[in-house]
Amino acid sequence: MSMPAFLPAGPGLSLRPWRARDARELIDAYRDPLLRQFTRTWPEDEAGARAWLAREEAGARDGSRYSFAVELAAQAPDGTGPAPSGVREPAATGLLAGCVVLKVFPHDDDRPARTDTAEVGYWTTASVRGRGLAGRAVLALADWAFTALPALARLELLHQVDNEPSCRVAEKAGFPHHETLAPHPPVFPLPGHVHVRPRPAA
C-alpha cells in the first residue's frame, strides 16, 4: 500500500510522508524535554535523524508502519494567514508541527497480533501545542486508515496514565477510553490507557 503525498487535516494543516530535508527540524523537535519524557528513542544528530527517517521509510515499504509528518501550512498567497487546507504554493515550505503514525497489526508479549487492529501514535512540537492540531492530525490519519485498509475493524491509541493531554487528544479524535493496562516496567512503569475507535458504520 502506497502512502498518499498529501492528506488534508483541516484549515492550514496537512499530513505528508517524511523527507530527507526534515532531518534538522526533526532533531530540533526532539530537543523538547516533554517529548522525550513520553518517547523511548530520539535522534541526537544528523546521523540519528537519517536513521530515524530510514526506519519510517522502511516501515512504509514493508507495510508495518505508515509515518506522516504533520505540516502547518505556510502563509496564504495573499499573506493574510495560513493557507486553507489543500492550498499550497509550490515553492512554500510549511512548519513541521509533529508526527502521526499508523502501526499496522501491532503486538507485544502481552497482546498477540490481530489482523483487524492497528495502533495510532503521534507527537507534536512544543511550539504548536495547545492549538488543537494533534486531534485534527490523528483524526485525518484514522479516516485514511479505515479507507486504505478494508480489513481494519478498529484503531487503538495507547498512552501512560500520566500523559493526560493524550487522553484529551484521543477523545477529541473519536477514541474513547476502552481499558486500562497494567504497568510493564521498565519500558512502561505506569498503567496505560487504551483508547479505541471502531470502524465507522457503513
Protein backbone atom coordinates (compact mmCIF):
# COMPACT_ATOMS: atom_id res chain seq x y z
CA MET A 1 0.00 0.00 0.00
CA SER A 2 1.46 3.33 -1.02
CA MET A 3 1.25 6.43 1.15
CA PRO A 4 -0.58 9.47 -0.20
CA ALA A 5 1.56 12.51 -0.92
CA PHE A 6 -0.87 14.78 0.90
CA LEU A 7 -3.70 14.33 3.40
CA PRO A 8 -5.73 17.38 4.48
CA ALA A 9 -6.33 17.75 8.21
CA GLY A 10 -8.49 20.88 8.25
CA PRO A 11 -7.60 24.51 7.59
CA GLY A 12 -3.87 25.08 7.34
CA LEU A 13 -2.85 21.56 8.40
CA SER A 14 -1.83 18.53 6.37
CA LEU A 15 -0.06 15.18 6.58
CA ARG A 16 2.68 14.12 4.19
CA PRO A 17 5.43 11.49 4.01
CA TRP A 18 8.73 12.37 5.66
CA ARG A 19 11.53 13.80 3.52
CA ALA A 20 15.31 13.75 3.89
CA ARG A 21 15.39 17.51 4.38
CA ASP A 22 13.21 17.14 7.51
CA ALA A 23 16.27 15.90 9.45
CA ARG A 24 17.21 19.22 11.05
CA GLU A 25 13.64 20.06 12.14
CA LEU A 26 13.30 16.51 13.49
CA ILE A 27 16.39 16.94 15.69
CA ASP A 28 15.11 20.29 16.92
CA ALA A 29 11.69 18.83 17.74
CA TYR A 30 13.20 16.06 19.87
CA ARG A 31 15.17 18.54 21.98
CA ASP A 32 11.89 19.20 23.80
CA PRO A 33 12.04 17.62 27.31
CA LEU A 34 8.31 16.85 27.31
CA LEU A 35 8.55 14.95 24.04
CA ARG A 36 11.48 12.95 25.38
CA GLN A 37 9.50 12.13 28.52
CA PHE A 38 6.88 10.25 26.53
CA THR A 39 9.05 8.69 23.80
CA ARG A 40 11.61 5.93 24.13
CA THR A 41 14.20 6.87 21.48
CA TRP A 42 15.07 10.04 19.60
CA PRO A 43 17.68 11.32 17.12
CA GLU A 44 20.50 13.33 18.68
CA ASP A 45 22.30 14.33 15.48
CA GLU A 46 22.16 14.21 11.68
CA ALA A 47 23.15 10.53 11.58
CA GLY A 48 20.44 9.66 14.10
CA ALA A 49 17.86 11.66 12.17
CA ARG A 50 18.78 9.92 8.92
CA ALA A 51 18.43 6.53 10.65
CA TRP A 52 15.04 7.58 12.08
CA LEU A 53 13.81 8.67 8.65
CA ALA A 54 15.13 5.48 7.04
CA ARG A 55 13.24 3.38 9.59
CA GLU A 56 9.98 5.16 8.81
CA GLU A 57 10.56 4.76 5.07
CA ALA A 58 11.31 1.05 5.51
CA GLY A 59 8.13 0.61 7.54
CA ALA A 60 6.06 2.03 4.72
CA ARG A 61 7.75 -0.31 2.24
CA ASP A 62 7.09 -3.45 4.27
CA GLY A 63 3.61 -2.35 5.37
CA SER A 64 4.33 -2.36 9.12
CA ARG A 65 4.02 1.38 9.81
CA TYR A 66 2.94 4.47 7.92
CA SER A 67 4.50 7.60 9.37
CA PHE A 68 3.47 11.10 8.32
CA ALA A 69 4.97 14.49 9.05
CA VAL A 70 2.32 16.93 10.26
CA GLU A 71 2.81 20.22 8.47
CA LEU A 72 1.38 23.60 9.36
CA ALA A 73 0.90 25.47 6.11
CA ALA A 74 2.88 28.50 5.07
CA GLN A 75 1.01 31.76 4.66
CA ALA A 76 -1.76 32.02 2.11
CA PRO A 77 -0.83 33.58 -1.23
CA ASP A 78 -2.25 36.96 -0.14
CA GLY A 79 -0.17 36.92 3.05
CA THR A 80 -3.17 37.18 5.36
CA GLY A 81 -2.69 33.93 7.26
CA PRO A 82 -2.27 30.17 6.95
CA ALA A 83 -3.25 28.70 3.61
CA PRO A 84 -6.53 26.77 3.74
CA SER A 85 -6.39 23.00 3.61
CA GLY A 86 -5.40 21.79 0.16
CA VAL A 87 -3.99 25.17 -0.98
CA ARG A 88 -0.22 25.02 -1.21
CA GLU A 89 2.19 27.25 -3.04
CA PRO A 90 4.69 25.09 -4.98
CA ALA A 91 7.66 26.98 -3.50
CA ALA A 92 6.28 27.21 0.03
CA THR A 93 7.53 25.10 2.91
CA GLY A 94 5.37 24.70 5.95
CA LEU A 95 6.34 24.35 9.59
CA LEU A 96 6.90 20.86 10.99
CA ALA A 97 4.19 20.56 13.65
CA GLY A 98 4.53 16.90 14.60
CA CYS A 99 4.16 13.29 13.54
CA VAL A 100 1.36 10.75 13.28
CA VAL A 101 1.98 7.08 12.63
CA LEU A 102 -0.16 4.05 11.88
CA LYS A 103 1.42 0.87 13.31
CA VAL A 104 -0.18 -1.99 11.43
CA PHE A 105 -1.14 -5.13 13.35
CA PRO A 106 0.90 -4.27 16.46
CA HIS A 107 1.69 -6.85 19.08
CA ASP A 108 3.87 -7.33 22.14
CA ASP A 109 4.45 -10.05 24.73
CA ASP A 110 1.08 -9.47 26.39
CA ARG A 111 -1.10 -8.74 23.36
CA PRO A 112 -0.92 -11.05 20.32
CA ALA A 113 -1.10 -9.70 16.80
CA ARG A 114 -4.58 -9.07 15.39
CA THR A 115 -5.11 -8.58 11.71
CA ASP A 116 -8.16 -6.39 12.31
CA THR A 117 -6.38 -3.89 14.59
CA ALA A 118 -3.77 -1.16 14.16
CA GLU A 119 -2.29 1.36 16.55
CA VAL A 120 -2.09 5.13 16.16
CA GLY A 121 0.78 7.13 17.62
CA TYR A 122 1.53 10.82 17.50
CA TRP A 123 3.57 13.70 18.85
CA THR A 124 3.55 17.45 18.36
CA THR A 125 6.30 20.03 18.54
CA ALA A 126 6.47 22.33 21.55
CA SER A 127 5.74 25.46 19.50
CA VAL A 128 2.26 24.34 18.39
CA ARG A 129 0.86 22.56 21.44
CA GLY A 130 -2.45 23.71 22.83
CA ARG A 131 -3.89 24.66 19.44
CA GLY A 132 -5.92 21.52 18.77
CA LEU A 133 -3.66 20.35 15.94
CA ALA A 134 -2.89 16.90 17.36
CA GLY A 135 -6.53 15.85 17.43
CA ARG A 136 -7.03 17.02 13.85
CA ALA A 137 -3.96 15.14 12.66
CA VAL A 138 -4.98 11.93 14.44
CA LEU A 139 -8.49 12.20 13.01
CA ALA A 140 -7.13 12.62 9.47
CA LEU A 141 -4.87 9.59 9.90
CA ALA A 142 -7.72 7.48 11.26
CA ASP A 143 -10.03 8.39 8.39
CA TRP A 144 -7.33 7.47 5.88
CA ALA A 145 -6.54 4.19 7.66
CA PHE A 146 -10.10 2.92 7.53
CA THR A 147 -10.28 3.78 3.82
CA ALA A 148 -6.90 2.31 2.91
CA LEU A 149 -7.19 -0.90 4.97
CA PRO A 150 -10.55 -2.59 4.34
CA ALA A 151 -9.83 -5.39 6.85
CA LEU A 152 -9.29 -2.91 9.66
CA ALA A 153 -12.01 -3.14 12.30
CA ARG A 154 -10.60 -0.84 14.97
CA LEU A 155 -7.79 1.55 15.82
CA GLU A 156 -6.11 1.84 19.20
CA LEU A 157 -4.30 4.77 20.79
CA LEU A 158 -2.21 3.96 23.88
CA HIS A 159 -0.54 6.19 26.46
CA GLN A 160 0.61 6.13 30.07
CA VAL A 161 -1.82 7.47 32.67
CA ASP A 162 0.46 10.43 33.44
CA ASN A 163 0.08 11.72 29.88
CA GLU A 164 -3.24 13.49 30.42
CA PRO A 165 -3.08 15.60 27.22
CA SER A 166 -3.10 12.38 25.19
CA CYS A 167 -6.38 11.43 26.84
CA ARG A 168 -7.90 14.67 25.61
CA VAL A 169 -6.47 14.25 22.10
CA ALA A 170 -7.84 10.72 21.89
CA GLU A 171 -11.33 11.76 22.98
CA LYS A 172 -11.40 14.67 20.50
CA ALA A 173 -10.35 12.35 17.67
CA GLY A 174 -13.11 9.85 18.44
CA PHE A 175 -11.10 7.39 20.55
CA PRO A 176 -12.95 6.91 23.88
CA HIS A 177 -11.22 5.16 26.78
CA HIS A 178 -11.60 1.38 26.46
CA GLU A 179 -9.42 -0.25 29.12
CA THR A 180 -6.52 0.30 31.49
CA LEU A 181 -3.38 -1.82 31.14
CA ALA A 182 -1.15 -2.92 33.99
CA PRO A 183 2.35 -1.41 34.22
CA HIS A 184 5.01 -3.10 32.13
CA PRO A 185 8.37 -1.99 33.56
CA PRO A 186 10.98 -0.96 32.76
CA VAL A 187 9.64 0.45 29.48
CA PHE A 188 6.18 1.34 30.81
CA PRO A 189 6.47 1.78 34.59
CA LEU A 190 2.93 3.16 34.99
CA PRO A 191 -0.50 1.84 33.98
CA GLY A 192 -1.60 2.65 30.45
CA HIS A 193 -4.84 3.72 28.84
CA VAL A 194 -6.14 2.08 25.68
CA HIS A 195 -8.46 4.26 23.60
CA VAL A 196 -10.36 2.60 20.75
CA ARG A 197 -12.05 3.92 17.63
CA PRO A 198 -14.06 1.25 15.78
CA ARG A 199 -14.58 1.33 12.06
CA PRO A 200 -17.43 3.72 11.29
CA ALA A 201 -20.70 2.07 10.33
CA ALA A 202 -21.27 1.89 6.59
